[in-house]
């Protein structure tokens, strides 16, 4: 079993890791010839299924295993990976390889950076230039025709030079290599076809309003829409959308009932090739025909929803799919910034109702 690669799109990789670690400390990572999948399944709350093309974050990679497609399954702690990627943000290069240390498997990240240092005891070029300008301003003879030796300041040769040095940092991330039988039951759950699909406004904007509503509900001592409860419990936010570009965020308690509404959002067209039946029979078509007063609604835990919205760091287009009173699925399309012709990678966030666990179809 071998895996070695150079990293690219490190900043996007770091943002993805930070978003995942806000939901759970451990991720299941599945590497294969073509795809890198990062899966987070907390005991409670939202699930994240991130499927990325290998060449989106890896370059010149070599992967080999005895499994079909050279599949390697790893249990990966996210916080050490996040720290390593943070160290690599401004690096010249960074490589990642699966190896062993003291008989235990690790992902070893080798980071090459440069450091610039002024010569010992000397001034930097900026400081030297400032000193020279000050001396010139103080001199009464701007042309320097006076032979007075005091006009010129003697300097060491290296006072204005900066030296660059390569620095190599190694970060070891402990992992567990999982047997294929262990991960056979890790399946992405399926839910019914969505009633509404809509492109969300910028997630950081939505997060700011959601957090404000959650704080207001906590301050008022209510559990939010459909929640009841005390101020100690996370409020329930009500999210609604229609097939006419409308999105509504609402919080309701015994003392508070407020909402924010977005209009003129995009309801993307469905791809008939991805559907099991005709577009005319899809639930979203019926919701569109029923007009703007037909809303699909879900209720989510306020704190969990705030963590989910951290995927806004990826700065991608986000499509929300509402299964009315059942589930909310977010598809985050992350662009390939270095290849405009490549298809966007997709991070799938599944958010289920906090008070009701849906029954997966599969």
Protein backbone atom coordinates (compact mmCIF):
# COMPACT_ATOMS: atom_id res chain seq x y z
CA UNK A 1 0.00 0.00 0.00
CA UNK A 2 1.56 3.27 -1.14
CA UNK A 3 0.44 6.86 -1.39
CA UNK A 4 2.62 9.86 -2.17
CA UNK A 5 1.69 13.20 -3.66
CA UNK A 6 2.45 16.87 -3.94
CA UNK A 7 -0.24 19.24 -2.70
CA UNK A 8 -1.94 21.93 -4.74
CA UNK A 9 -4.91 24.20 -4.00
CA UNK A 10 -3.61 24.16 -0.42
CA UNK A 11 -5.72 27.15 0.63
CA UNK A 12 -8.96 25.49 -0.55
CA UNK A 13 -7.89 22.20 1.06
CA UNK A 14 -7.26 24.04 4.34
CA UNK A 15 -10.70 25.73 4.16
CA UNK A 16 -12.39 22.40 3.55
CA UNK A 17 -10.57 20.81 6.49
CA UNK A 18 -11.51 23.72 8.77
CA UNK A 19 -15.17 23.38 7.75
CA UNK A 20 -15.16 19.63 8.41
CA UNK A 21 -13.41 19.97 11.76
CA UNK A 22 -16.11 22.37 12.97
CA UNK A 23 -18.56 19.45 12.77
CA UNK A 24 -16.42 16.52 13.95
CA UNK A 25 -12.85 15.72 15.01
CA UNK A 26 -12.47 12.58 12.89
CA UNK A 27 -13.09 12.03 9.17
CA UNK A 28 -13.15 8.93 7.02
CA UNK A 29 -11.00 9.50 3.95
CA UNK A 30 -11.27 7.29 0.91
CA UNK A 31 -8.54 7.71 -1.71
CA UNK A 32 -8.65 6.03 -5.11
CA UNK A 33 -7.28 6.47 -8.62
CA UNK A 34 -9.69 9.29 -9.44
CA UNK A 35 -11.44 10.53 -6.30
CA UNK A 36 -10.70 11.74 -2.78
CA UNK A 37 -13.73 11.47 -0.51
CA UNK A 38 -13.89 13.06 2.94
CA UNK A 39 -16.81 11.92 5.09
CA UNK A 40 -17.84 13.26 8.48
CA UNK A 41 -20.67 11.50 10.35
CA UNK A 42 -21.18 12.90 13.87
CA UNK A 43 -23.25 11.03 16.45
CA UNK A 44 -25.79 13.85 16.15
CA UNK A 45 -26.19 16.61 13.61
CA UNK A 46 -25.23 17.06 9.99
CA UNK A 47 -23.29 14.67 7.80
CA UNK A 48 -20.77 15.86 5.25
CA UNK A 49 -19.79 13.95 2.12
CA UNK A 50 -17.06 15.75 0.20
CA UNK A 51 -16.13 14.21 -3.13
CA UNK A 52 -13.17 15.82 -4.88
CA UNK A 53 -11.25 14.88 -8.00
CA UNK A 54 -7.78 13.71 -6.98
CA UNK A 55 -6.14 16.29 -9.21
CA UNK A 56 -8.09 19.06 -7.46
CA UNK A 57 -5.88 18.92 -4.36
CA UNK A 58 -3.12 16.49 -5.38
CA UNK A 59 -0.50 16.74 -8.11
CA UNK A 60 1.83 14.04 -9.42
CA UNK A 61 0.24 11.55 -7.06
CA UNK A 62 1.09 7.86 -6.85
CA UNK A 63 -1.40 5.51 -5.19
CA UNK A 64 -1.25 1.74 -4.97
CA UNK A 65 -3.16 -0.87 -3.00
CA UNK A 66 -4.52 -4.37 -3.41
CA UNK A 67 -8.13 -3.08 -3.58
CA UNK A 68 -10.09 -2.24 -6.71
CA UNK A 69 -9.24 1.22 -8.03
CA UNK A 70 -6.21 1.27 -5.69
CA UNK A 71 -8.57 2.30 -2.90
CA UNK A 72 -7.11 3.29 0.47
CA UNK A 73 -9.40 3.93 3.47
CA UNK A 74 -8.10 6.04 6.33
CA UNK A 75 -9.44 7.32 9.63
CA UNK A 76 -7.98 10.80 9.85
CA UNK A 77 -7.93 13.30 12.75
CA UNK A 78 -8.86 16.67 11.27
CA UNK A 79 -7.20 19.09 13.68
CA UNK A 80 -3.61 17.84 13.07
CA UNK A 81 -4.29 17.97 9.32
CA UNK A 82 -5.63 21.50 9.68
CA UNK A 83 -2.50 22.61 11.56
CA UNK A 84 -0.23 21.02 8.95
CA UNK A 85 -2.07 22.70 6.08
CA UNK A 86 -1.90 26.04 7.86
CA UNK A 87 1.89 25.66 8.01
CA UNK A 88 1.93 24.92 4.28
CA UNK A 89 -0.13 27.91 3.14
CA UNK A 90 2.83 30.07 2.07
CA UNK A 91 5.21 27.26 1.24
CA UNK A 92 7.27 26.70 -1.88
CA UNK A 93 6.08 23.10 -1.99
CA UNK A 94 4.41 20.50 0.19
CA UNK A 95 4.32 16.73 -0.16
CA UNK A 96 2.20 14.14 1.59
CA UNK A 97 2.95 10.44 1.91
CA UNK A 98 1.57 7.46 3.76
CA UNK A 99 4.31 5.81 5.80
CA UNK A 100 5.05 4.30 9.21
CA UNK A 101 6.69 5.66 12.31
CA UNK A 102 7.49 3.35 15.21
CA UNK A 103 5.38 0.74 13.44
CA UNK A 104 2.28 2.97 13.31
CA UNK A 105 0.78 4.45 10.12
CA UNK A 106 1.07 8.20 9.61
CA UNK A 107 0.54 10.76 6.91
CA UNK A 108 3.79 12.68 6.78
CA UNK A 109 3.62 16.18 5.31
CA UNK A 110 6.95 17.71 4.27
CA UNK A 111 6.77 21.47 3.78
CA UNK A 112 9.47 23.58 2.14
CA UNK A 113 9.46 27.31 2.89
CA UNK A 114 11.90 30.19 2.65
CA UNK A 115 12.95 32.61 5.35
CA UNK A 116 14.62 35.96 4.78
CA UNK A 117 17.04 37.31 7.36
CA UNK A 118 19.10 40.48 7.47
CA UNK A 119 22.83 40.01 7.97
CA UNK A 120 23.69 39.66 11.67
CA UNK A 121 24.16 42.98 13.37
CA UNK A 122 23.34 44.93 10.21
CA UNK A 123 20.45 47.08 9.05
CA UNK A 124 17.87 46.01 6.51
CA UNK A 125 17.92 47.71 3.12
CA UNK A 126 14.83 49.73 4.06
CA UNK A 127 16.38 50.95 7.28
CA UNK A 128 19.65 51.75 5.51
CA UNK A 129 17.83 53.76 2.85
CA UNK A 130 15.92 55.70 5.50
CA UNK A 131 19.15 56.49 7.34
CA UNK A 132 20.79 57.66 4.12
CA UNK A 133 17.84 59.91 3.30
CA UNK A 134 17.95 61.46 6.76
CA UNK A 135 21.68 62.12 6.43
CA UNK A 136 21.19 63.72 3.02
CA UNK A 137 18.44 65.97 4.33
CA UNK A 138 20.67 67.15 7.15
CA UNK A 139 23.56 67.96 4.80
CA UNK A 140 23.87 71.62 3.68
CA UNK A 141 25.70 70.65 0.45
CA UNK A 142 23.26 68.48 -1.52
CA UNK A 143 25.82 67.83 -4.28
CA UNK A 144 28.43 66.45 -1.90
CA UNK A 145 31.21 68.67 -3.27
CA UNK A 146 32.63 69.17 0.19
CA UNK A 147 35.48 66.80 0.92
CA UNK A 148 34.48 66.55 4.55
CA UNK A 149 34.63 62.84 5.42
CA UNK A 150 31.81 63.32 7.91
CA UNK A 151 29.27 63.57 5.08
CA UNK A 152 29.43 59.84 4.27
CA UNK A 153 28.56 57.14 6.74
CA UNK A 154 30.76 54.10 6.56
CA UNK A 155 28.77 50.86 6.28
CA UNK A 156 29.54 47.18 6.29
CA UNK A 157 29.07 45.47 2.94
CA UNK A 158 26.23 43.25 4.21
CA UNK A 159 24.13 45.85 6.03
CA UNK A 160 21.68 46.22 3.12
CA UNK A 161 21.58 42.57 2.05
CA UNK A 162 18.96 39.99 2.99
CA UNK A 163 19.64 36.29 2.75
CA UNK A 164 17.03 33.70 1.89
CA UNK A 165 17.22 30.27 3.45
CA UNK A 166 15.16 27.17 2.74
CA UNK A 167 13.42 25.70 5.73
CA UNK A 168 11.95 22.19 5.76
CA UNK A 169 9.14 21.36 8.18
CA UNK A 170 7.74 17.88 8.71
CA UNK A 171 4.28 17.38 10.20
CA UNK A 172 3.25 13.82 11.12
CA UNK A 173 -0.48 13.10 11.21
CA UNK A 174 -1.48 9.82 12.90
CA UNK A 175 -4.00 7.76 10.93
CA UNK A 176 -5.67 4.37 11.01
CA UNK A 177 -5.74 2.26 7.86
CA UNK A 178 -9.22 0.75 7.70
CA UNK A 179 -10.02 -2.67 6.30
CA UNK A 180 -12.53 -2.64 3.40
CA UNK A 181 -15.01 -4.68 5.46
CA UNK A 182 -14.97 -1.97 8.11
CA UNK A 183 -16.17 0.70 5.69
CA UNK A 184 -18.70 -1.38 3.75
CA UNK A 185 -21.52 -0.04 5.91
CA UNK A 186 -20.48 3.59 5.50
CA UNK A 187 -22.97 4.51 2.82
CA UNK A 188 -24.24 7.88 1.80
CA UNK A 189 -27.91 7.83 2.83
CA UNK A 190 -30.57 8.50 0.24
CA UNK A 191 -33.69 10.55 0.77
CA UNK A 192 -36.66 11.18 -1.46
CA UNK A 193 -36.48 13.57 -4.38
CA UNK A 194 -36.39 17.21 -3.22
CA UNK A 195 -39.49 19.38 -3.44
CA UNK A 196 -37.51 22.59 -3.90
CA UNK A 197 -33.98 23.29 -5.12
CA UNK A 198 -32.61 26.81 -4.90
CA UNK A 199 -29.26 28.59 -5.00
CA UNK A 200 -28.54 30.10 -1.58
CA UNK A 201 -27.30 33.63 -0.98
CA UNK A 202 -23.67 33.92 0.20
CA UNK A 203 -23.32 31.52 3.13
CA UNK A 204 -21.37 33.95 5.31
CA UNK A 205 -24.26 36.41 4.97
CA UNK A 206 -26.76 33.68 5.78
CA UNK A 207 -24.63 32.56 8.73
CA UNK A 208 -24.49 36.06 10.21
CA UNK A 209 -28.30 36.35 10.16
CA UNK A 210 -28.80 32.79 11.43
CA UNK A 211 -26.42 33.39 14.35
CA UNK A 212 -28.23 36.62 15.20
CA UNK A 213 -31.59 34.81 15.26
CA UNK A 214 -30.15 32.04 17.42
CA UNK A 215 -28.80 34.56 19.95
CA UNK A 216 -32.15 36.37 20.07
CA UNK A 217 -33.95 33.09 20.74
CA UNK A 218 -31.50 32.15 23.49
CA UNK A 219 -31.84 35.59 25.07
CA UNK A 220 -35.63 35.32 25.02
CA UNK A 221 -35.47 31.93 26.71
CA UNK A 222 -37.18 30.01 23.88
CA UNK A 223 -36.14 27.00 21.90
CA UNK A 224 -37.18 28.40 18.54
CA UNK A 225 -39.70 27.28 15.96
CA UNK A 226 -41.21 23.98 16.98
CA UNK A 227 -38.72 23.66 19.79
CA UNK A 228 -40.10 25.04 23.06
CA UNK A 229 -37.55 24.19 25.73
CA UNK A 230 -35.27 26.42 27.71
CA UNK A 231 -32.53 28.89 26.99
CA UNK A 232 -30.03 26.10 27.55
CA UNK A 233 -31.19 24.23 24.45
CA UNK A 234 -30.19 25.25 20.97
CA UNK A 235 -33.08 27.00 19.20
CA UNK A 236 -34.70 25.56 16.09
CA UNK A 237 -34.51 27.69 12.97
CA UNK A 238 -37.19 27.36 10.33
CA UNK A 239 -35.92 27.41 6.75
CA UNK A 240 -38.35 27.61 3.86
CA UNK A 241 -37.96 27.93 0.10
CA UNK A 242 -40.16 27.90 -2.98
CA UNK A 243 -39.64 27.29 -6.68
CA UNK A 244 -40.04 30.99 -7.47
CA UNK A 245 -36.74 32.27 -6.09
CA UNK A 246 -37.87 32.75 -2.50
CA UNK A 247 -36.00 31.82 0.67
CA UNK A 248 -37.19 32.50 4.21
CA UNK A 249 -35.38 32.17 7.54
CA UNK A 250 -37.55 32.38 10.65
CA UNK A 251 -37.20 32.05 14.41
CA UNK A 252 -40.26 31.85 16.64
CA UNK A 253 -40.40 31.67 20.43
CA UNK A 254 -42.96 32.64 23.05
CA UNK A 255 -41.68 36.22 22.95
CA UNK A 256 -40.03 36.50 19.52
CA UNK A 257 -41.17 35.89 15.96
CA UNK A 258 -38.92 37.34 13.25
CA UNK A 259 -37.91 36.34 9.76
CA UNK A 260 -35.68 37.36 6.87
CA UNK A 261 -36.74 36.85 3.28
CA UNK A 262 -34.66 36.64 0.09
CA UNK A 263 -36.23 36.95 -3.34
CA UNK A 264 -35.13 36.58 -6.97
CA UNK A 265 -32.81 33.69 -6.16
CA UNK A 266 -32.14 31.10 -8.84
CA UNK A 267 -33.98 27.78 -9.05
CA UNK A 268 -31.57 25.76 -11.25
CA UNK A 269 -32.96 23.65 -14.05
CA UNK A 270 -32.92 19.90 -13.49
CA UNK A 271 -30.77 17.62 -15.62
CA UNK A 272 -33.14 15.01 -17.10
CA UNK A 273 -30.24 12.57 -17.39
CA UNK A 274 -29.92 12.54 -13.58
CA UNK A 275 -33.61 11.80 -12.94
CA UNK A 276 -35.33 8.43 -12.69
CA UNK A 277 -38.52 9.76 -14.30
CA UNK A 278 -39.73 12.63 -16.50
CA UNK A 279 -39.09 16.19 -15.32
CA UNK A 280 -42.84 16.85 -15.47
CA UNK A 281 -43.40 14.29 -12.69
CA UNK A 282 -40.67 15.59 -10.39
CA UNK A 283 -41.92 17.02 -7.05
CA UNK A 284 -40.25 20.37 -7.74
CA UNK A 285 -42.30 20.74 -10.92
CA UNK A 286 -45.50 20.43 -8.90
CA UNK A 287 -44.20 22.95 -6.36
CA UNK A 288 -43.42 25.37 -9.21
CA UNK A 289 -46.89 24.95 -10.70
CA UNK A 290 -48.51 25.61 -7.31
CA UNK A 291 -47.06 29.14 -7.32
CA UNK A 292 -44.97 31.25 -4.91
CA UNK A 293 -47.19 30.49 -1.92
CA UNK A 294 -46.12 26.83 -1.90
CA UNK A 295 -43.13 26.51 0.44
CA UNK A 296 -40.99 23.55 1.48
CA UNK A 297 -39.92 23.85 5.11
CA UNK A 298 -37.40 22.19 7.40
CA UNK A 299 -36.38 22.97 10.97
CA UNK A 300 -32.74 22.72 11.95
CA UNK A 301 -30.75 23.04 15.15
CA UNK A 302 -29.42 26.61 15.28
CA UNK A 303 -25.93 25.77 16.50
CA UNK A 304 -25.52 22.82 14.14
CA UNK A 305 -26.75 24.96 11.21
CA UNK A 306 -24.15 27.59 12.07
CA UNK A 307 -21.40 24.97 11.88
CA UNK A 308 -22.74 23.68 8.58
CA UNK A 309 -22.60 27.18 7.10
CA UNK A 310 -18.85 27.26 7.74
CA UNK A 311 -18.53 25.57 4.32
CA UNK A 312 -19.03 29.12 3.06
CA UNK A 313 -15.28 29.46 3.46
CA UNK A 314 -14.95 27.47 0.25
CA UNK A 315 -16.52 30.37 -1.68
CA UNK A 316 -18.40 28.08 -4.03
CA UNK A 317 -21.91 28.10 -5.46
CA UNK A 318 -24.36 26.44 -3.04
CA UNK A 319 -27.56 24.67 -4.09
CA UNK A 320 -30.01 23.76 -1.30
CA UNK A 321 -32.42 20.87 -1.84
CA UNK A 322 -35.47 20.84 0.45
CA UNK A 323 -37.43 17.67 1.15
CA UNK A 324 -40.44 19.23 2.83
CA UNK A 325 -40.56 18.53 6.58
CA UNK A 326 -37.90 15.85 6.19
CA UNK A 327 -34.35 16.86 5.19
CA UNK A 328 -32.15 19.57 3.77
CA UNK A 329 -29.20 18.79 1.51
CA UNK A 330 -26.60 21.36 0.46
CA UNK A 331 -24.43 20.89 -2.61
CA UNK A 332 -21.37 23.13 -2.59
CA UNK A 333 -19.69 23.46 -5.99
CA UNK A 334 -16.04 24.37 -5.47
CA UNK A 335 -14.42 25.82 -8.61
CA UNK A 336 -11.03 24.76 -9.96
CA UNK A 337 -9.30 28.11 -9.75
CA UNK A 338 -6.30 26.90 -11.77
CA UNK A 339 -8.31 25.18 -14.53
CA UNK A 340 -11.42 26.93 -15.81
CA UNK A 341 -12.25 24.02 -18.15
CA UNK A 342 -12.46 21.43 -15.34
CA UNK A 343 -15.73 20.50 -13.70
CA UNK A 344 -16.37 21.89 -10.23
CA UNK A 345 -15.90 19.53 -7.30
CA UNK A 346 -18.88 18.98 -5.03
CA UNK A 347 -19.08 19.00 -1.25
CA UNK A 348 -22.37 17.49 -0.11
CA UNK A 349 -23.75 18.53 3.28
CA UNK A 350 -26.73 16.59 4.61
CA UNK A 351 -28.71 18.32 7.34
CA UNK A 352 -31.55 16.33 8.92
CA UNK A 353 -34.32 17.55 11.17
CA UNK A 354 -33.10 17.89 14.74
CA UNK A 355 -36.26 16.42 16.27
CA UNK A 356 -36.84 13.62 13.78
CA UNK A 357 -34.33 11.20 12.29
CA UNK A 358 -35.45 10.35 8.73
CA UNK A 359 -35.44 6.77 7.57
CA UNK A 360 -32.86 6.32 4.79
CA UNK A 361 -34.21 4.78 1.60
CA UNK A 362 -31.12 2.64 1.04
